[in-house]
Amino acid sequence: MNISYQAFLPYYRGEINKVEVVDVDGRTLWISARHFRPFLTINGIKAYFNMTVDSQGNLISLDKI
């Protein structure tokens, strides 16, 4: 993910609920923005993440790598 602090603020405030991301295989995913809030810094969010999901596709964990 590479998003500036200013661009992420509407997600952080809950004004926008889902973040559209593209994984390394080119798949588009919609993830609740609340999962990314802990990773927001003054520089925004600039990182790769590992995501673990259950068999129904529900997010179990999101880890910054």
PDB file of N, CA and C in Angstrom:
ATOM      1  N   MET A   1       0.847  -1.158   0.000  1.00  0.00           N
ATOM      2  CA  MET A   1       0.000   0.000   0.000  1.00  0.00           C
ATOM      3  C   MET A   1       0.897   1.227   0.000  1.00  0.00           C
ATOM      4  N   ASN A   2       0.470   2.221  -0.731  1.00  0.00           N
ATOM      5  CA  ASN A   2       1.193   3.492  -0.782  1.00  0.00           C
ATOM      6  C   ASN A   2       0.146   4.600  -0.865  1.00  0.00           C
ATOM      7  N   ILE A   3      -0.175   5.164   0.292  1.00  0.00           N
ATOM      8  CA  ILE A   3      -1.195   6.209   0.351  1.00  0.00           C
ATOM      9  C   ILE A   3      -0.720   7.299   1.316  1.00  0.00           C
ATOM     10  N   SER A   4      -0.907   8.526   0.931  1.00  0.00           N
ATOM     11  CA  SER A   4      -0.469   9.640   1.773  1.00  0.00           C
ATOM     12  C   SER A   4      -1.381   9.788   2.994  1.00  0.00           C
ATOM     13  N   TYR A   5      -0.876  10.507   3.969  1.00  0.00           N
ATOM     14  CA  TYR A   5      -1.634  10.794   5.187  1.00  0.00           C
ATOM     15  C   TYR A   5      -2.950  11.485   4.839  1.00  0.00           C
ATOM     16  N   GLN A   6      -2.865  12.528   4.021  1.00  0.00           N
ATOM     17  CA  GLN A   6      -4.059  13.293   3.644  1.00  0.00           C
ATOM     18  C   GLN A   6      -5.074  12.436   2.883  1.00  0.00           C
ATOM     19  N   ALA A   7      -4.588  11.597   1.994  1.00  0.00           N
ATOM     20  CA  ALA A   7      -5.493  10.763   1.202  1.00  0.00           C
ATOM     21  C   ALA A   7      -6.183   9.704   2.066  1.00  0.00           C
ATOM     22  N   PHE A   8      -5.526   9.271   3.157  1.00  0.00           N
ATOM     23  CA  PHE A   8      -6.117   8.235   4.003  1.00  0.00           C
ATOM     24  C   PHE A   8      -7.062   8.796   5.067  1.00  0.00           C
ATOM     25  N   LEU A   9      -7.009  10.089   5.335  1.00  0.00           N
ATOM     26  CA  LEU A   9      -7.837  10.671   6.402  1.00  0.00           C
ATOM     27  C   LEU A   9      -9.332  10.344   6.295  1.00  0.00           C
ATOM     28  N   PRO A  10      -9.960  10.397   5.126  1.00  0.00           N
ATOM     29  CA  PRO A  10     -11.389  10.029   5.072  1.00  0.00           C
ATOM     30  C   PRO A  10     -11.640   8.580   5.511  1.00  0.00           C
ATOM     31  N   TYR A  11     -10.698   7.693   5.242  1.00  0.00           N
ATOM     32  CA  TYR A  11     -10.812   6.304   5.689  1.00  0.00           C
ATOM     33  C   TYR A  11     -10.638   6.230   7.204  1.00  0.00           C
ATOM     34  N   TYR A  12      -9.652   6.965   7.713  1.00  0.00           N
ATOM     35  CA  TYR A  12      -9.360   6.978   9.144  1.00  0.00           C
ATOM     36  C   TYR A  12     -10.549   7.499   9.942  1.00  0.00           C
ATOM     37  N   ARG A  13     -11.196   8.510   9.424  1.00  0.00           N
ATOM     38  CA  ARG A  13     -12.349   9.123  10.092  1.00  0.00           C
ATOM     39  C   ARG A  13     -13.622   8.292   9.963  1.00  0.00           C
ATOM     40  N   GLY A  14     -13.600   7.273   9.128  1.00  0.00           N
ATOM     41  CA  GLY A  14     -14.785   6.449   8.921  1.00  0.00           C
ATOM     42  C   GLY A  14     -15.733   6.994   7.875  1.00  0.00           C
ATOM     43  N   GLU A  15     -15.310   8.027   7.159  1.00  0.00           N
ATOM     44  CA  GLU A  15     -16.144   8.605   6.104  1.00  0.00           C
ATOM     45  C   GLU A  15     -16.231   7.668   4.904  1.00  0.00           C
ATOM     46  N   ILE A  16     -15.191   6.890   4.703  1.00  0.00           N
ATOM     47  CA  ILE A  16     -15.153   5.862   3.660  1.00  0.00           C
ATOM     48  C   ILE A  16     -14.808   4.550   4.370  1.00  0.00           C
ATOM     49  N   ASN A  17     -15.582   3.505   4.124  1.00  0.00           N
ATOM     50  CA  ASN A  17     -15.428   2.273   4.894  1.00  0.00           C
ATOM     51  C   ASN A  17     -14.462   1.251   4.309  1.00  0.00           C
ATOM     52  N   LYS A  18     -14.346   1.197   3.016  1.00  0.00           N
ATOM     53  CA  LYS A  18     -13.536   0.147   2.386  1.00  0.00           C
ATOM     54  C   LYS A  18     -12.380   0.734   1.590  1.00  0.00           C
ATOM     55  N   VAL A  19     -11.267   0.016   1.628  1.00  0.00           N
ATOM     56  CA  VAL A  19     -10.078   0.378   0.856  1.00  0.00           C
ATOM     57  C   VAL A  19      -9.955  -0.626  -0.284  1.00  0.00           C
ATOM     58  N   GLU A  20      -9.807  -0.125  -1.498  1.00  0.00           N
ATOM     59  CA  GLU A  20      -9.585  -0.999  -2.645  1.00  0.00           C
ATOM     60  C   GLU A  20      -8.077  -1.173  -2.804  1.00  0.00           C
ATOM     61  N   VAL A  21      -7.626  -2.420  -2.772  1.00  0.00           N
ATOM     62  CA  VAL A  21      -6.212  -2.713  -2.947  1.00  0.00           C
ATOM     63  C   VAL A  21      -6.061  -3.758  -4.033  1.00  0.00           C
ATOM     64  N   VAL A  22      -4.902  -3.772  -4.652  1.00  0.00           N
ATOM     65  CA  VAL A  22      -4.574  -4.788  -5.653  1.00  0.00           C
ATOM     66  C   VAL A  22      -3.423  -5.600  -5.102  1.00  0.00           C
ATOM     67  N   ASP A  23      -3.609  -6.915  -5.029  1.00  0.00           N
ATOM     68  CA  ASP A  23      -2.551  -7.757  -4.479  1.00  0.00           C
ATOM     69  C   ASP A  23      -1.456  -8.000  -5.521  1.00  0.00           C
ATOM     70  N   VAL A  24      -0.387  -8.678  -5.111  1.00  0.00           N
ATOM     71  CA  VAL A  24       0.761  -8.884  -5.999  1.00  0.00           C
ATOM     72  C   VAL A  24       0.422  -9.760  -7.198  1.00  0.00           C
ATOM     73  N   ASP A  25      -0.699 -10.494  -7.130  1.00  0.00           N
ATOM     74  CA  ASP A  25      -1.146 -11.312  -8.249  1.00  0.00           C
ATOM     75  C   ASP A  25      -2.133 -10.581  -9.158  1.00  0.00           C
ATOM     76  N   GLY A  26      -2.400  -9.302  -8.846  1.00  0.00           N
ATOM     77  CA  GLY A  26      -3.284  -8.496  -9.673  1.00  0.00           C
ATOM     78  C   GLY A  26      -4.751  -8.558  -9.305  1.00  0.00           C
ATOM     79  N   ARG A  27      -5.084  -9.274  -8.229  1.00  0.00           N
ATOM     80  CA  ARG A  27      -6.490  -9.354  -7.802  1.00  0.00           C
ATOM     81  C   ARG A  27      -6.871  -8.085  -7.040  1.00  0.00           C
ATOM     82  N   THR A  28      -8.080  -7.604  -7.294  1.00  0.00           N
ATOM     83  CA  THR A  28      -8.594  -6.440  -6.582  1.00  0.00           C
ATOM     84  C   THR A  28      -9.365  -6.917  -5.363  1.00  0.00           C
ATOM     85  N   LEU A  29      -9.035  -6.326  -4.215  1.00  0.00           N
ATOM     86  CA  LEU A  29      -9.673  -6.689  -2.950  1.00  0.00           C
ATOM     87  C   LEU A  29     -10.251  -5.441  -2.307  1.00  0.00           C
ATOM     88  N   TRP A  30     -11.358  -5.592  -1.603  1.00  0.00           N
ATOM     89  CA  TRP A  30     -11.957  -4.513  -0.819  1.00  0.00           C
ATOM     90  C   TRP A  30     -11.826  -4.904   0.637  1.00  0.00           C
ATOM     91  N   ILE A  31     -11.078  -4.112   1.403  1.00  0.00           N
ATOM     92  CA  ILE A  31     -10.790  -4.424   2.801  1.00  0.00           C
ATOM     93  C   ILE A  31     -11.280  -3.275   3.667  1.00  0.00           C
ATOM     94  N   SER A  32     -11.895  -3.605   4.792  1.00  0.00           N
ATOM     95  CA  SER A  32     -12.364  -2.572   5.704  1.00  0.00           C
ATOM     96  C   SER A  32     -11.196  -1.674   6.113  1.00  0.00           C
ATOM     97  N   ALA A  33     -11.404  -0.375   5.994  1.00  0.00           N
ATOM     98  CA  ALA A  33     -10.349   0.592   6.298  1.00  0.00           C
ATOM     99  C   ALA A  33      -9.892   0.518   7.744  1.00  0.00           C
ATOM    100  N   ARG A  34     -10.750   0.051   8.632  1.00  0.00           N
ATOM    101  CA  ARG A  34     -10.378  -0.001  10.048  1.00  0.00           C
ATOM    102  C   ARG A  34      -9.153  -0.880  10.289  1.00  0.00           C
ATOM    103  N   HIS A  35      -8.931  -1.848   9.416  1.00  0.00           N
ATOM    104  CA  HIS A  35      -7.775  -2.731   9.571  1.00  0.00           C
ATOM    105  C   HIS A  35      -6.455  -2.004   9.301  1.00  0.00           C
ATOM    106  N   PHE A  36      -6.509  -0.920   8.535  1.00  0.00           N
ATOM    107  CA  PHE A  36      -5.293  -0.184   8.194  1.00  0.00           C
ATOM    108  C   PHE A  36      -5.019   0.992   9.129  1.00  0.00           C
ATOM    109  N   ARG A  37      -5.993   1.401   9.905  1.00  0.00           N
ATOM    110  CA  ARG A  37      -5.826   2.566  10.781  1.00  0.00           C
ATOM    111  C   ARG A  37      -4.604   2.483  11.687  1.00  0.00           C
ATOM    112  N   PRO A  38      -4.282   1.321  12.290  1.00  0.00           N
ATOM    113  CA  PRO A  38      -3.107   1.273  13.178  1.00  0.00           C
ATOM    114  C   PRO A  38      -1.783   1.547  12.462  1.00  0.00           C
ATOM    115  N   PHE A  39      -1.770   1.453  11.151  1.00  0.00           N
ATOM    116  CA  PHE A  39      -0.535   1.607  10.389  1.00  0.00           C
ATOM    117  C   PHE A  39      -0.324   3.023   9.853  1.00  0.00           C
ATOM    118  N   LEU A  40      -1.290   3.911  10.084  1.00  0.00           N
ATOM    119  CA  LEU A  40      -1.187   5.276   9.575  1.00  0.00           C
ATOM    120  C   LEU A  40      -0.156   6.076  10.366  1.00  0.00           C
ATOM    121  N   THR A  41       0.762   6.710   9.657  1.00  0.00           N
ATOM    122  CA  THR A  41       1.747   7.611  10.257  1.00  0.00           C
ATOM    123  C   THR A  41       1.635   8.963   9.561  1.00  0.00           C
ATOM    124  N   ILE A  42       2.405   9.914   9.995  1.00  0.00           N
ATOM    125  CA  ILE A  42       2.413  11.240   9.372  1.00  0.00           C
ATOM    126  C   ILE A  42       2.821  11.154   7.900  1.00  0.00           C
ATOM    127  N   ASN A  43       3.525  10.089   7.534  1.00  0.00           N
ATOM    128  CA  ASN A  43       3.930   9.865   6.148  1.00  0.00           C
ATOM    129  C   ASN A  43       2.897   9.061   5.357  1.00  0.00           C
ATOM    130  N   GLY A  44       1.799   8.713   5.983  1.00  0.00           N
ATOM    131  CA  GLY A  44       0.783   7.896   5.329  1.00  0.00           C
ATOM    132  C   GLY A  44       1.010   6.427   5.632  1.00  0.00           C
ATOM    133  N   ILE A  45       0.648   5.584   4.697  1.00  0.00           N
ATOM    134  CA  ILE A  45       0.886   4.145   4.814  1.00  0.00           C
ATOM    135  C   ILE A  45       1.672   3.730   3.581  1.00  0.00           C
ATOM    136  N   LYS A  46       2.887   3.297   3.807  1.00  0.00           N
ATOM    137  CA  LYS A  46       3.764   2.862   2.716  1.00  0.00           C
ATOM    138  C   LYS A  46       4.378   1.541   3.132  1.00  0.00           C
ATOM    139  N   ALA A  47       3.724   0.447   2.746  1.00  0.00           N
ATOM    140  CA  ALA A  47       4.187  -0.871   3.179  1.00  0.00           C
ATOM    141  C   ALA A  47       3.512  -1.960   2.362  1.00  0.00           C
ATOM    142  N   TYR A  48       4.104  -3.124   2.437  1.00  0.00           N
ATOM    143  CA  TYR A  48       3.464  -4.347   1.958  1.00  0.00           C
ATOM    144  C   TYR A  48       2.850  -5.023   3.161  1.00  0.00           C
ATOM    145  N   PHE A  49       1.774  -5.780   2.927  1.00  0.00           N
ATOM    146  CA  PHE A  49       1.076  -6.465   4.009  1.00  0.00           C
ATOM    147  C   PHE A  49       0.867  -7.924   3.647  1.00  0.00           C
ATOM    148  N   ASN A  50       0.892  -8.775   4.671  1.00  0.00           N
ATOM    149  CA  ASN A  50       0.453 -10.165   4.554  1.00  0.00           C
ATOM    150  C   ASN A  50      -0.932 -10.229   5.166  1.00  0.00           C
ATOM    151  N   MET A  51      -1.845 -10.844   4.445  1.00  0.00           N
ATOM    152  CA  MET A  51      -3.215 -10.958   4.918  1.00  0.00           C
ATOM    153  C   MET A  51      -3.563 -12.432   5.052  1.00  0.00           C
ATOM    154  N   THR A  52      -4.188 -12.792   6.165  1.00  0.00           N
ATOM    155  CA  THR A  52      -4.670 -14.150   6.376  1.00  0.00           C
ATOM    156  C   THR A  52      -6.185 -14.099   6.436  1.00  0.00           C
ATOM    157  N   VAL A  53      -6.831 -14.968   5.660  1.00  0.00           N
ATOM    158  CA  VAL A  53      -8.294 -15.036   5.638  1.00  0.00           C
ATOM    159  C   VAL A  53      -8.753 -16.446   5.957  1.00  0.00           C
ATOM    160  N   ASP A  54     -10.002 -16.570   6.432  1.00  0.00           N
ATOM    161  CA  ASP A  54     -10.559 -17.891   6.692  1.00  0.00           C
ATOM    162  C   ASP A  54     -11.181 -18.443   5.409  1.00  0.00           C
ATOM    163  N   SER A  55     -11.799 -19.600   5.494  1.00  0.00           N
ATOM    164  CA  SER A  55     -12.347 -20.265   4.311  1.00  0.00           C
ATOM    165  C   SER A  55     -13.509 -19.496   3.673  1.00  0.00           C
ATOM    166  N   GLN A  56     -14.142 -18.581   4.429  1.00  0.00           N
ATOM    167  CA  GLN A  56     -15.213 -17.757   3.878  1.00  0.00           C
ATOM    168  C   GLN A  56     -14.696 -16.423   3.346  1.00  0.00           C
ATOM    169  N   GLY A  57     -13.392 -16.192   3.452  1.00  0.00           N
ATOM    170  CA  GLY A  57     -12.804 -14.953   2.977  1.00  0.00           C
ATOM    171  C   GLY A  57     -12.788 -13.830   3.996  1.00  0.00           C
ATOM    172  N   ASN A  58     -13.108 -14.138   5.257  1.00  0.00           N
ATOM    173  CA  ASN A  58     -13.081 -13.133   6.317  1.00  0.00           C
ATOM    174  C   ASN A  58     -11.649 -12.914   6.790  1.00  0.00           C
ATOM    175  N   LEU A  59     -11.294 -11.675   7.002  1.00  0.00           N
ATOM    176  CA  LEU A  59      -9.942 -11.320   7.425  1.00  0.00           C
ATOM    177  C   LEU A  59      -9.679 -11.815   8.834  1.00  0.00           C
ATOM    178  N   ILE A  60      -8.578 -12.551   8.996  1.00  0.00           N
ATOM    179  CA  ILE A  60      -8.161 -13.024  10.310  1.00  0.00           C
ATOM    180  C   ILE A  60      -7.053 -12.127  10.837  1.00  0.00           C
ATOM    181  N   SER A  61      -6.075 -11.812   9.974  1.00  0.00           N
ATOM    182  CA  SER A  61      -4.984 -10.932  10.402  1.00  0.00           C
ATOM    183  C   SER A  61      -4.430 -10.165   9.215  1.00  0.00           C
ATOM    184  N   LEU A  62      -3.867  -9.005   9.536  1.00  0.00           N
ATOM    185  CA  LEU A  62      -3.217  -8.146   8.554  1.00  0.00           C
ATOM    186  C   LEU A  62      -1.914  -7.698   9.181  1.00  0.00           C
ATOM    187  N   ASP A  63      -0.800  -8.135   8.618  1.00  0.00           N
ATOM    188  CA  ASP A  63       0.514  -7.853   9.183  1.00  0.00           C
ATOM    189  C   ASP A  63       1.375  -7.098   8.197  1.00  0.00           C
ATOM    190  N   LYS A  64       1.965  -6.015   8.675  1.00  0.00           N
ATOM    191  CA  LYS A  64       2.879  -5.227   7.862  1.00  0.00           C
ATOM    192  C   LYS A  64       4.197  -5.988   7.739  1.00  0.00           C
ATOM    193  N   ILE A  65       4.741  -6.034   6.510  1.00  0.00           N
ATOM    194  CA  ILE A  65       6.017  -6.725   6.323  1.00  0.00           C
ATOM    195  C   ILE A  65       7.075  -5.752   5.822  1.00  0.00           C
TER     196      ILE A  65
END
